[in-house]
Amino acid sequence: MLRHQPKNLRYDGSTNWLSFKQKIAVNRWSDSQFREYLNWCMEEKALDYFIIETIMWLWLSYTDIMLKMD
């Protein structure tokens, strides 16, 4: 269940990925929390890509998702 989603965590696919990664890396979320929060943080093309990748593989760990997004 999502609780306090950081409002400044947004990624649309055109802004700096490394900056976004740094912001999200400081959170101590479980894999399931990470997936839920990341789903809400992504926008536009980044969200489209995230959905395609996570649907194809059904369940990915934090590390797997970040590697695919890189």
N, C-alpha and C. Protein backbone atom coordinates (compact mmCIF):
# COMPACT_ATOMS: atom_id res chain seq x y z
N MET A 1 0.84 -1.18 0.00
CA MET A 1 0.00 0.00 0.00
C MET A 1 0.89 1.25 0.00
N LEU A 2 0.61 2.13 -0.92
CA LEU A 2 1.40 3.35 -1.00
C LEU A 2 1.05 4.28 0.14
N ARG A 3 2.07 4.80 0.72
CA ARG A 3 1.86 5.78 1.80
C ARG A 3 2.43 7.10 1.39
N HIS A 4 3.48 7.52 1.84
CA HIS A 4 4.00 8.87 1.61
C HIS A 4 4.87 8.93 0.37
N GLN A 5 4.23 9.03 -0.79
CA GLN A 5 4.99 9.12 -2.02
C GLN A 5 5.68 10.48 -2.11
N PRO A 6 6.98 10.47 -2.30
CA PRO A 6 7.69 11.75 -2.47
C PRO A 6 7.18 12.49 -3.70
N LYS A 7 6.76 13.72 -3.55
CA LYS A 7 6.15 14.46 -4.64
C LYS A 7 7.14 14.90 -5.71
N ASN A 8 8.41 15.00 -5.37
CA ASN A 8 9.39 15.46 -6.35
C ASN A 8 9.97 14.32 -7.19
N LEU A 9 9.54 13.11 -6.99
CA LEU A 9 10.05 11.98 -7.77
C LEU A 9 9.19 11.79 -9.01
N ARG A 10 9.62 12.38 -10.09
CA ARG A 10 8.94 12.26 -11.37
C ARG A 10 10.00 12.02 -12.44
N TYR A 11 9.67 11.09 -13.35
CA TYR A 11 10.58 10.86 -14.46
C TYR A 11 9.75 10.66 -15.72
N ASP A 12 10.04 11.44 -16.76
CA ASP A 12 9.24 11.38 -17.99
C ASP A 12 10.00 10.79 -19.18
N GLY A 13 11.22 10.40 -18.97
CA GLY A 13 12.00 9.81 -20.05
C GLY A 13 12.92 10.80 -20.75
N SER A 14 12.70 12.09 -20.53
CA SER A 14 13.56 13.08 -21.19
C SER A 14 14.45 13.82 -20.20
N THR A 15 14.10 13.78 -18.94
CA THR A 15 14.95 14.42 -17.94
C THR A 15 16.11 13.49 -17.58
N ASN A 16 17.00 13.95 -16.76
CA ASN A 16 18.22 13.20 -16.44
C ASN A 16 17.92 11.94 -15.62
N TRP A 17 18.19 10.78 -16.20
CA TRP A 17 17.93 9.50 -15.56
C TRP A 17 18.80 9.30 -14.32
N LEU A 18 20.07 9.68 -14.40
CA LEU A 18 20.97 9.49 -13.26
C LEU A 18 20.53 10.30 -12.04
N SER A 19 20.02 11.50 -12.27
CA SER A 19 19.52 12.31 -11.16
C SER A 19 18.31 11.64 -10.52
N PHE A 20 17.41 11.14 -11.34
CA PHE A 20 16.23 10.45 -10.82
C PHE A 20 16.65 9.20 -10.04
N LYS A 21 17.59 8.44 -10.60
CA LYS A 21 18.08 7.23 -9.92
C LYS A 21 18.66 7.56 -8.55
N GLN A 22 19.39 8.64 -8.47
CA GLN A 22 19.99 9.04 -7.20
C GLN A 22 18.92 9.37 -6.17
N LYS A 23 17.89 10.07 -6.60
CA LYS A 23 16.80 10.43 -5.69
C LYS A 23 16.05 9.20 -5.19
N ILE A 24 15.83 8.24 -6.07
CA ILE A 24 15.03 7.08 -5.70
C ILE A 24 15.87 6.07 -4.90
N ALA A 25 17.19 6.10 -5.08
CA ALA A 25 18.07 5.13 -4.41
C ALA A 25 18.14 5.33 -2.90
N VAL A 26 17.85 6.52 -2.42
CA VAL A 26 17.95 6.78 -0.99
C VAL A 26 16.78 6.19 -0.19
N ASN A 27 15.74 5.78 -0.88
CA ASN A 27 14.58 5.19 -0.21
C ASN A 27 14.85 3.73 0.13
N ARG A 28 14.37 3.30 1.25
CA ARG A 28 14.55 1.92 1.69
C ARG A 28 13.25 1.14 1.51
N TRP A 29 12.88 0.97 0.23
CA TRP A 29 11.64 0.28 -0.06
C TRP A 29 11.92 -1.20 -0.34
N SER A 30 10.93 -2.04 -0.08
CA SER A 30 11.02 -3.44 -0.48
C SER A 30 10.83 -3.48 -2.00
N ASP A 31 11.08 -4.64 -2.62
CA ASP A 31 10.90 -4.75 -4.06
C ASP A 31 9.46 -4.42 -4.47
N SER A 32 8.48 -4.89 -3.72
CA SER A 32 7.09 -4.61 -4.09
C SER A 32 6.76 -3.13 -3.91
N GLN A 33 7.26 -2.51 -2.86
CA GLN A 33 7.04 -1.07 -2.67
C GLN A 33 7.71 -0.27 -3.78
N PHE A 34 8.93 -0.67 -4.12
CA PHE A 34 9.65 0.02 -5.18
C PHE A 34 8.87 -0.02 -6.47
N ARG A 35 8.35 -1.18 -6.82
CA ARG A 35 7.59 -1.31 -8.06
C ARG A 35 6.35 -0.41 -8.04
N GLU A 36 5.64 -0.38 -6.94
CA GLU A 36 4.45 0.45 -6.82
C GLU A 36 4.80 1.94 -6.92
N TYR A 37 5.81 2.37 -6.18
CA TYR A 37 6.20 3.78 -6.20
C TYR A 37 6.73 4.18 -7.57
N LEU A 38 7.52 3.32 -8.17
CA LEU A 38 8.08 3.64 -9.47
C LEU A 38 6.97 3.79 -10.50
N ASN A 39 5.96 2.96 -10.41
CA ASN A 39 4.81 3.06 -11.31
C ASN A 39 4.16 4.45 -11.21
N TRP A 40 4.08 5.00 -10.02
CA TRP A 40 3.49 6.32 -9.82
C TRP A 40 4.44 7.46 -10.17
N CYS A 41 5.74 7.21 -10.15
CA CYS A 41 6.73 8.25 -10.45
C CYS A 41 6.94 8.45 -11.94
N MET A 42 6.72 7.41 -12.72
CA MET A 42 6.96 7.48 -14.15
C MET A 42 5.84 8.22 -14.85
N GLU A 43 6.22 8.94 -15.91
CA GLU A 43 5.26 9.68 -16.74
C GLU A 43 5.64 9.51 -18.20
N GLU A 44 4.67 9.71 -19.06
CA GLU A 44 4.85 9.76 -20.51
C GLU A 44 5.61 8.55 -21.05
N LYS A 45 6.67 8.76 -21.83
CA LYS A 45 7.39 7.67 -22.48
C LYS A 45 8.03 6.72 -21.46
N ALA A 46 8.50 7.26 -20.35
CA ALA A 46 9.12 6.42 -19.33
C ALA A 46 8.10 5.45 -18.74
N LEU A 47 6.89 5.90 -18.52
CA LEU A 47 5.83 5.04 -18.00
C LEU A 47 5.46 3.98 -19.02
N ASP A 48 5.36 4.35 -20.28
CA ASP A 48 5.06 3.37 -21.33
C ASP A 48 6.10 2.26 -21.34
N TYR A 49 7.37 2.63 -21.29
CA TYR A 49 8.45 1.63 -21.29
C TYR A 49 8.39 0.76 -20.03
N PHE A 50 8.20 1.39 -18.89
CA PHE A 50 8.13 0.66 -17.62
C PHE A 50 7.01 -0.38 -17.66
N ILE A 51 5.85 0.00 -18.18
CA ILE A 51 4.70 -0.92 -18.24
C ILE A 51 5.00 -2.08 -19.17
N ILE A 52 5.54 -1.79 -20.33
CA ILE A 52 5.88 -2.86 -21.28
C ILE A 52 6.86 -3.85 -20.66
N GLU A 53 7.92 -3.35 -20.05
CA GLU A 53 8.93 -4.22 -19.46
C GLU A 53 8.40 -5.03 -18.28
N THR A 54 7.63 -4.41 -17.41
CA THR A 54 7.17 -5.14 -16.23
C THR A 54 6.06 -6.12 -16.56
N ILE A 55 5.24 -5.84 -17.56
CA ILE A 55 4.20 -6.79 -17.96
C ILE A 55 4.84 -8.01 -18.60
N MET A 56 5.85 -7.79 -19.43
CA MET A 56 6.51 -8.91 -20.11
C MET A 56 7.13 -9.88 -19.12
N TRP A 57 7.65 -9.37 -18.02
CA TRP A 57 8.36 -10.22 -17.07
C TRP A 57 7.59 -10.45 -15.78
N LEU A 58 6.38 -9.94 -15.69
CA LEU A 58 5.48 -10.09 -14.55
C LEU A 58 6.05 -9.61 -13.22
N TRP A 59 7.18 -10.12 -12.82
CA TRP A 59 7.77 -9.66 -11.57
C TRP A 59 9.26 -9.47 -11.75
N LEU A 60 9.70 -8.27 -11.51
CA LEU A 60 11.12 -7.97 -11.58
C LEU A 60 11.56 -7.39 -10.24
N SER A 61 12.76 -7.70 -9.85
CA SER A 61 13.32 -7.12 -8.63
C SER A 61 13.71 -5.67 -8.90
N TYR A 62 14.00 -4.95 -7.85
CA TYR A 62 14.49 -3.56 -7.94
C TYR A 62 15.68 -3.50 -8.89
N THR A 63 16.63 -4.39 -8.70
CA THR A 63 17.85 -4.39 -9.53
C THR A 63 17.50 -4.65 -10.99
N ASP A 64 16.64 -5.62 -11.25
CA ASP A 64 16.26 -5.94 -12.63
C ASP A 64 15.57 -4.76 -13.31
N ILE A 65 14.66 -4.11 -12.59
CA ILE A 65 13.96 -2.96 -13.16
C ILE A 65 14.94 -1.84 -13.49
N MET A 66 15.84 -1.56 -12.56
CA MET A 66 16.79 -0.48 -12.79
C MET A 66 17.73 -0.80 -13.96
N LEU A 67 18.11 -2.04 -14.11
CA LEU A 67 18.97 -2.42 -15.23
C LEU A 67 18.23 -2.24 -16.55
N LYS A 68 16.97 -2.61 -16.59
CA LYS A 68 16.20 -2.45 -17.82
C LYS A 68 15.96 -0.97 -18.13
N MET A 69 15.74 -0.17 -17.10
CA MET A 69 15.50 1.25 -17.33
C MET A 69 16.79 1.97 -17.76
N ASP A 70 17.94 1.45 -17.33
CA ASP A 70 19.22 2.05 -17.77
C ASP A 70 19.34 1.96 -19.27
